[in-house]
Amino acid sequence: MKNLFIETELNNWKDIFLLNSKLTKQLLFRGQSNKDWTISSSLERLVERIHPNYVDRAIITVQEKQMIEEFQWKYPLFKNPTIEKENYVEWLSIMQHYGASTRLIDFTDSFFVATQMAISESYTDSAVWGINKHTLNKFIFETYTNENETNSASQKTLDSLSIKLANEKIKNAFNEVEKKLLIIRPENSNERIYRQQGLFVMPTNLKIPFVESLSTIIGNQTPLFWDFRHLILNSDSYKQDQFALVKINIPKKIHREILENLREMNINSEILFPGIEGLAKSLNYSKFV
């Protein structure tokens, strides 16, 4: 069964509901404010900014190791540490929550939340990326079923195994050669993750660009551009799992219409971002949308 990488474009607000009913059950979503941006981690972008001409990508691994060590060392100055030192996923989750660049890439289970994230602060055409969670979980599923001589695994089991494997990959980052992506649902949530139905996708190998790992997994680098009507009419002709990667472009001209309708659905910055941060962000649009 061939994996599909589809690119399409919304025409209006109503298209969102058509897409949500047809194609989003197996996807994890990430909204990006510029449709021309590829998916990358904040750590990857940070290193590229600081070292624009670097050749040895091992520098990203060095950067991560140093950041984790310093954060763990200074954390007791602010809070009582209750996290095991080698629970690296939890440490990275906290670091990212407070603004540090990490290998964790924010995703959400909600297409509507991702759409809000894509357009709320965008000055140009934006995009929502959808990655098939079964495509990403295939590696974890096969690892578990082979080791335990079974042909099934609960989602909770897969989530726990992903975190265990992620911690091993981070600990041994300098020796990692596989190009895998892990779905990370933090064991300890916070209010922002809860409100945004959030989770992370984590590359196991920092020495490889995220998009290269993604292309390796889905086996396809070039998208097929399908007119939105064509996508909706033909989506039932394919199995949901065949849609490995979907890029949904959102033209700037329909951003306001979408924001108005999302606001009526109670999807806005005040809801998605807890506390005074959400209130402040929401003021940018509450009087204009």
Protein backbone atom coordinates (compact mmCIF):
# COMPACT_ATOMS: atom_id res chain seq x y z
CA MET A 1 0.00 0.00 0.00
CA LYS A 2 1.61 3.24 -1.17
CA ASN A 3 1.77 6.16 1.24
CA LEU A 4 0.26 9.38 -0.09
CA PHE A 5 1.65 12.88 0.47
CA ILE A 6 -1.16 15.23 -0.54
CA GLU A 7 -1.13 19.03 -0.75
CA THR A 8 -4.38 20.96 -1.11
CA GLU A 9 -5.83 24.42 -0.49
CA LEU A 10 -8.94 25.58 1.35
CA ASN A 11 -11.38 27.80 -0.52
CA ASN A 12 -13.52 28.96 2.40
CA TRP A 13 -14.51 28.27 5.99
CA LYS A 14 -16.92 25.46 5.10
CA ASP A 15 -14.08 23.44 3.59
CA ILE A 16 -12.72 22.92 7.10
CA PHE A 17 -15.79 20.93 8.12
CA LEU A 18 -15.68 18.83 4.96
CA LEU A 19 -12.03 18.04 5.56
CA ASN A 20 -12.57 17.34 9.25
CA SER A 21 -15.32 14.82 8.46
CA LYS A 22 -13.42 13.08 5.66
CA LEU A 23 -9.74 12.97 6.42
CA THR A 24 -8.69 13.87 9.93
CA LYS A 25 -9.40 10.80 12.08
CA GLN A 26 -5.91 9.33 11.78
CA LEU A 27 -3.94 12.58 11.63
CA LEU A 28 -1.94 14.67 14.08
CA PHE A 29 -1.84 18.36 13.21
CA ARG A 30 0.60 21.25 13.27
CA GLY A 31 -0.32 24.78 12.23
CA GLN A 32 2.36 27.02 10.72
CA SER A 33 1.89 30.70 9.93
CA ASN A 34 3.78 30.52 6.62
CA LYS A 35 2.91 27.83 4.09
CA ASP A 36 6.46 27.86 2.71
CA TRP A 37 8.02 26.74 5.99
CA THR A 38 8.99 23.11 6.38
CA ILE A 39 8.50 21.33 9.70
CA SER A 40 11.48 21.59 12.03
CA SER A 41 12.13 21.68 15.77
CA SER A 42 12.89 24.91 17.59
CA LEU A 43 16.32 23.45 18.46
CA GLU A 44 17.06 22.78 14.81
CA ARG A 45 16.11 26.37 13.91
CA LEU A 46 18.13 27.78 16.82
CA VAL A 47 21.34 26.06 15.77
CA GLU A 48 20.81 27.09 12.14
CA ARG A 49 20.43 30.71 13.30
CA ILE A 50 23.53 30.67 15.49
CA HIS A 51 25.66 28.60 13.08
CA PRO A 52 24.23 29.36 9.60
CA ASN A 53 27.09 27.66 7.77
CA TYR A 54 27.65 24.65 9.99
CA VAL A 55 28.44 21.33 8.34
CA ASP A 56 28.75 18.90 11.26
CA ARG A 57 25.19 18.37 12.48
CA ALA A 58 26.51 16.74 15.65
CA ILE A 59 26.64 20.30 16.99
CA ILE A 60 22.87 20.06 17.57
CA THR A 61 23.40 17.04 19.82
CA VAL A 62 26.08 18.91 21.77
CA GLN A 63 23.78 21.91 22.14
CA GLU A 64 20.93 19.77 23.49
CA LYS A 65 23.16 17.95 26.00
CA GLN A 66 24.53 21.22 27.37
CA MET A 67 21.07 22.79 27.63
CA ILE A 68 19.61 19.82 29.52
CA GLU A 69 22.54 19.69 31.93
CA GLU A 70 22.35 23.42 32.71
CA PHE A 71 18.57 23.35 33.13
CA GLN A 72 18.76 20.38 35.51
CA TRP A 73 21.53 22.06 37.49
CA LYS A 74 19.68 25.38 37.92
CA TYR A 75 16.12 24.05 38.20
CA PRO A 76 16.30 23.65 42.04
CA LEU A 77 16.80 27.41 42.26
CA PHE A 78 13.19 27.85 41.15
CA LYS A 79 11.33 24.64 41.96
CA ASN A 80 11.76 21.48 43.98
CA PRO A 81 12.85 18.82 41.46
CA THR A 82 10.59 15.76 41.49
CA ILE A 83 11.59 14.41 38.08
CA GLU A 84 14.10 11.61 37.66
CA LYS A 85 17.30 12.88 36.08
CA GLU A 86 17.09 10.47 33.14
CA ASN A 87 13.45 11.22 32.35
CA TYR A 88 14.70 13.42 29.54
CA VAL A 89 11.33 13.69 27.80
CA GLU A 90 9.81 15.27 30.89
CA TRP A 91 12.75 17.66 31.24
CA LEU A 92 12.49 18.72 27.60
CA SER A 93 8.74 19.20 27.96
CA ILE A 94 9.26 21.57 30.90
CA MET A 95 12.09 23.37 29.13
CA GLN A 96 9.94 23.91 26.05
CA HIS A 97 7.00 25.09 28.15
CA TYR A 98 9.16 27.89 29.56
CA GLY A 99 10.69 28.92 26.24
CA ALA A 100 13.80 26.79 25.68
CA SER A 101 14.45 25.38 22.22
CA THR A 102 14.18 21.58 22.14
CA ARG A 103 13.84 18.69 19.71
CA LEU A 104 10.15 18.31 20.64
CA ILE A 105 7.77 19.58 17.95
CA ASP A 106 4.30 20.74 19.00
CA PHE A 107 1.33 18.95 17.45
CA THR A 108 -2.34 18.66 18.38
CA ASP A 109 -5.10 16.11 17.97
CA SER A 110 -7.45 18.90 16.87
CA PHE A 111 -7.59 20.17 13.29
CA PHE A 112 -9.46 23.26 14.52
CA VAL A 113 -6.80 24.12 17.11
CA ALA A 114 -4.05 23.69 14.51
CA THR A 115 -5.95 25.98 12.14
CA GLN A 116 -6.19 28.65 14.85
CA MET A 117 -2.45 28.35 15.49
CA ALA A 118 -1.71 28.63 11.77
CA ILE A 119 -3.65 31.82 11.10
CA SER A 120 -3.90 33.77 14.38
CA GLU A 121 -0.57 35.58 13.93
CA SER A 122 0.01 35.04 10.22
CA TYR A 123 0.78 37.78 7.70
CA THR A 124 0.70 35.51 4.67
CA ASP A 125 -0.74 32.25 3.38
CA SER A 126 -0.43 29.67 6.16
CA ALA A 127 -0.68 25.89 6.36
CA VAL A 128 -1.78 23.02 8.56
CA TRP A 129 0.27 19.84 8.31
CA GLY A 130 -1.31 16.49 9.11
CA ILE A 131 0.84 13.42 9.83
CA ASN A 132 -0.74 9.98 10.05
CA LYS A 133 -0.24 8.70 13.58
CA HIS A 134 -0.46 5.07 12.47
CA THR A 135 2.40 5.67 10.03
CA LEU A 136 4.55 7.06 12.86
CA ASN A 137 3.43 4.41 15.36
CA LYS A 138 4.19 1.52 13.02
CA PHE A 139 7.78 1.32 14.28
CA ILE A 140 6.71 1.27 17.95
CA PHE A 141 3.88 -1.19 17.28
CA GLU A 142 6.18 -3.63 15.49
CA THR A 143 8.82 -3.30 18.21
CA TYR A 144 6.29 -4.18 20.91
CA THR A 145 4.51 -7.01 19.07
CA ASN A 146 7.77 -8.66 18.01
CA GLU A 147 9.25 -8.54 21.50
CA ASN A 148 6.05 -9.79 23.16
CA GLU A 149 4.90 -12.26 20.49
CA THR A 150 1.48 -10.67 20.11
CA ASN A 151 -0.41 -8.95 17.33
CA SER A 152 -2.05 -6.18 19.35
CA ALA A 153 -1.14 -3.35 21.70
CA SER A 154 -3.18 -0.73 23.54
CA GLN A 155 -2.61 2.96 22.90
CA LYS A 156 -1.45 3.38 26.50
CA THR A 157 1.17 0.68 25.96
CA LEU A 158 2.42 2.33 22.78
CA ASP A 159 2.58 5.74 24.50
CA SER A 160 4.62 4.32 27.39
CA LEU A 161 6.97 2.51 25.03
CA SER A 162 7.46 5.69 22.99
CA ILE A 163 8.52 7.62 26.08
CA LYS A 164 10.85 4.83 27.21
CA LEU A 165 12.46 4.65 23.79
CA ALA A 166 12.66 8.44 23.52
CA ASN A 167 14.58 8.65 26.81
CA GLU A 168 17.01 6.01 25.54
CA LYS A 169 17.52 7.89 22.27
CA ILE A 170 18.16 11.19 24.03
CA LYS A 171 20.59 9.57 26.48
CA ASN A 172 22.56 7.97 23.64
CA ALA A 173 22.07 10.80 21.15
CA PHE A 174 25.66 10.79 19.89
CA ASN A 175 25.34 7.15 18.76
CA GLU A 176 21.90 7.37 17.14
CA VAL A 177 21.70 6.38 13.47
CA GLU A 178 18.01 5.54 12.94
CA LYS A 179 15.66 8.03 11.30
CA LYS A 180 12.55 7.56 13.42
CA LEU A 181 9.86 9.91 14.70
CA LEU A 182 8.13 9.20 18.01
CA ILE A 183 4.74 10.43 19.16
CA ILE A 184 5.15 11.77 22.69
CA ARG A 185 2.18 12.28 24.98
CA PRO A 186 3.70 13.65 28.21
CA GLU A 187 3.01 11.61 31.33
CA ASN A 188 2.45 14.83 33.26
CA SER A 189 0.27 17.30 31.39
CA ASN A 190 0.03 21.03 31.98
CA GLU A 191 -2.84 23.41 31.40
CA ARG A 192 -1.61 24.55 28.00
CA ILE A 193 -1.20 21.00 26.67
CA TYR A 194 -4.65 20.13 28.04
CA ARG A 195 -6.36 23.13 26.46
CA GLN A 196 -4.65 22.68 23.10
CA GLN A 197 -5.10 18.88 23.02
CA GLY A 198 -1.35 18.92 22.60
CA LEU A 199 1.37 16.35 22.16
CA PHE A 200 4.84 16.22 20.61
CA VAL A 201 6.54 14.52 17.71
CA MET A 202 10.20 13.81 18.47
CA PRO A 203 12.95 12.91 16.00
CA THR A 204 15.24 10.20 17.36
CA ASN A 205 18.23 11.44 15.38
CA LEU A 206 19.20 15.11 15.76
CA LYS A 207 21.94 14.80 13.17
CA ILE A 208 19.29 14.37 10.48
CA PRO A 209 16.88 17.20 9.50
CA PHE A 210 13.32 16.47 10.63
CA VAL A 211 12.01 16.59 7.06
CA GLU A 212 14.54 13.94 6.00
CA SER A 213 13.41 11.59 8.76
CA LEU A 214 9.79 12.25 7.80
CA SER A 215 10.46 11.56 4.11
CA THR A 216 12.22 8.31 5.01
CA ILE A 217 9.24 7.13 7.06
CA ILE A 218 6.52 8.00 4.56
CA GLY A 219 8.68 7.01 1.57
CA ASN A 220 7.65 10.08 -0.38
CA GLN A 221 9.25 13.50 -0.71
CA THR A 222 7.14 15.17 -3.40
CA PRO A 223 3.49 16.05 -2.72
CA LEU A 224 0.64 15.44 -5.12
CA PHE A 225 -1.35 18.66 -5.42
CA TRP A 226 -5.05 17.85 -5.38
CA ASP A 227 -7.73 20.46 -5.88
CA PHE A 228 -9.84 20.52 -2.71
CA ARG A 229 -12.94 19.24 -4.49
CA HIS A 230 -10.91 16.39 -5.99
CA LEU A 231 -9.59 15.48 -2.55
CA ILE A 232 -13.04 15.35 -0.97
CA LEU A 233 -14.60 13.42 -3.85
CA ASN A 234 -11.80 10.85 -3.96
CA SER A 235 -10.91 10.47 -0.28
CA ASP A 236 -13.29 7.52 0.15
CA SER A 237 -11.46 5.66 -2.62
CA TYR A 238 -8.42 5.30 -0.36
CA LYS A 239 -7.89 3.83 3.07
CA GLN A 240 -7.34 6.43 5.78
CA ASP A 241 -3.90 4.99 6.52
CA GLN A 242 -2.78 5.71 2.95
CA PHE A 243 -2.83 9.43 3.69
CA ALA A 244 0.56 9.52 5.41
CA LEU A 245 1.13 13.27 5.10
CA VAL A 246 -1.30 16.05 4.20
CA LYS A 247 -0.46 19.73 3.77
CA ILE A 248 -3.47 22.05 3.83
CA ASN A 249 -2.73 25.56 2.58
CA ILE A 250 -4.90 28.38 3.94
CA PRO A 251 -4.90 31.56 1.80
CA LYS A 252 -4.53 34.83 3.68
CA LYS A 253 -7.77 36.15 2.12
CA ILE A 254 -9.91 33.70 4.13
CA HIS A 255 -8.09 34.03 7.48
CA ARG A 256 -10.54 36.55 8.90
CA GLU A 257 -13.57 34.46 7.95
CA ILE A 258 -12.03 31.43 9.64
CA LEU A 259 -11.04 33.38 12.78
CA GLU A 260 -14.59 34.70 13.12
CA ASN A 261 -16.05 31.22 12.95
CA LEU A 262 -13.45 29.66 15.23
CA ARG A 263 -14.20 32.36 17.76
CA GLU A 264 -17.90 31.42 17.64
CA MET A 265 -16.81 27.84 18.37
CA ASN A 266 -14.91 29.16 21.42
CA ILE A 267 -11.56 28.38 19.84
CA ASN A 268 -9.40 31.45 20.41
CA SER A 269 -6.23 32.54 22.17
CA GLU A 270 -7.99 33.20 25.48
CA ILE A 271 -9.12 29.57 25.59
CA LEU A 272 -5.96 27.96 24.19
CA PHE A 273 -3.43 29.89 26.28
CA PRO A 274 -4.02 29.84 30.05
CA GLY A 275 -3.88 32.87 32.29
CA ILE A 276 -3.13 36.45 31.40
CA GLU A 277 -1.12 35.40 28.32
CA GLY A 278 -4.27 34.09 26.68
CA LEU A 279 -6.23 37.19 27.63
CA ALA A 280 -3.57 39.48 26.18
CA LYS A 281 -3.29 37.51 22.94
CA SER A 282 -7.06 37.45 22.50
CA LEU A 283 -7.29 41.26 22.67
CA ASN A 284 -5.49 41.47 19.33
CA TYR A 285 -8.57 40.06 17.63
CA SER A 286 -11.58 40.42 19.92
CA LYS A 287 -12.40 43.94 18.71
CA PHE A 288 -11.63 43.33 15.05
CA VAL A 289 -12.93 39.82 14.37
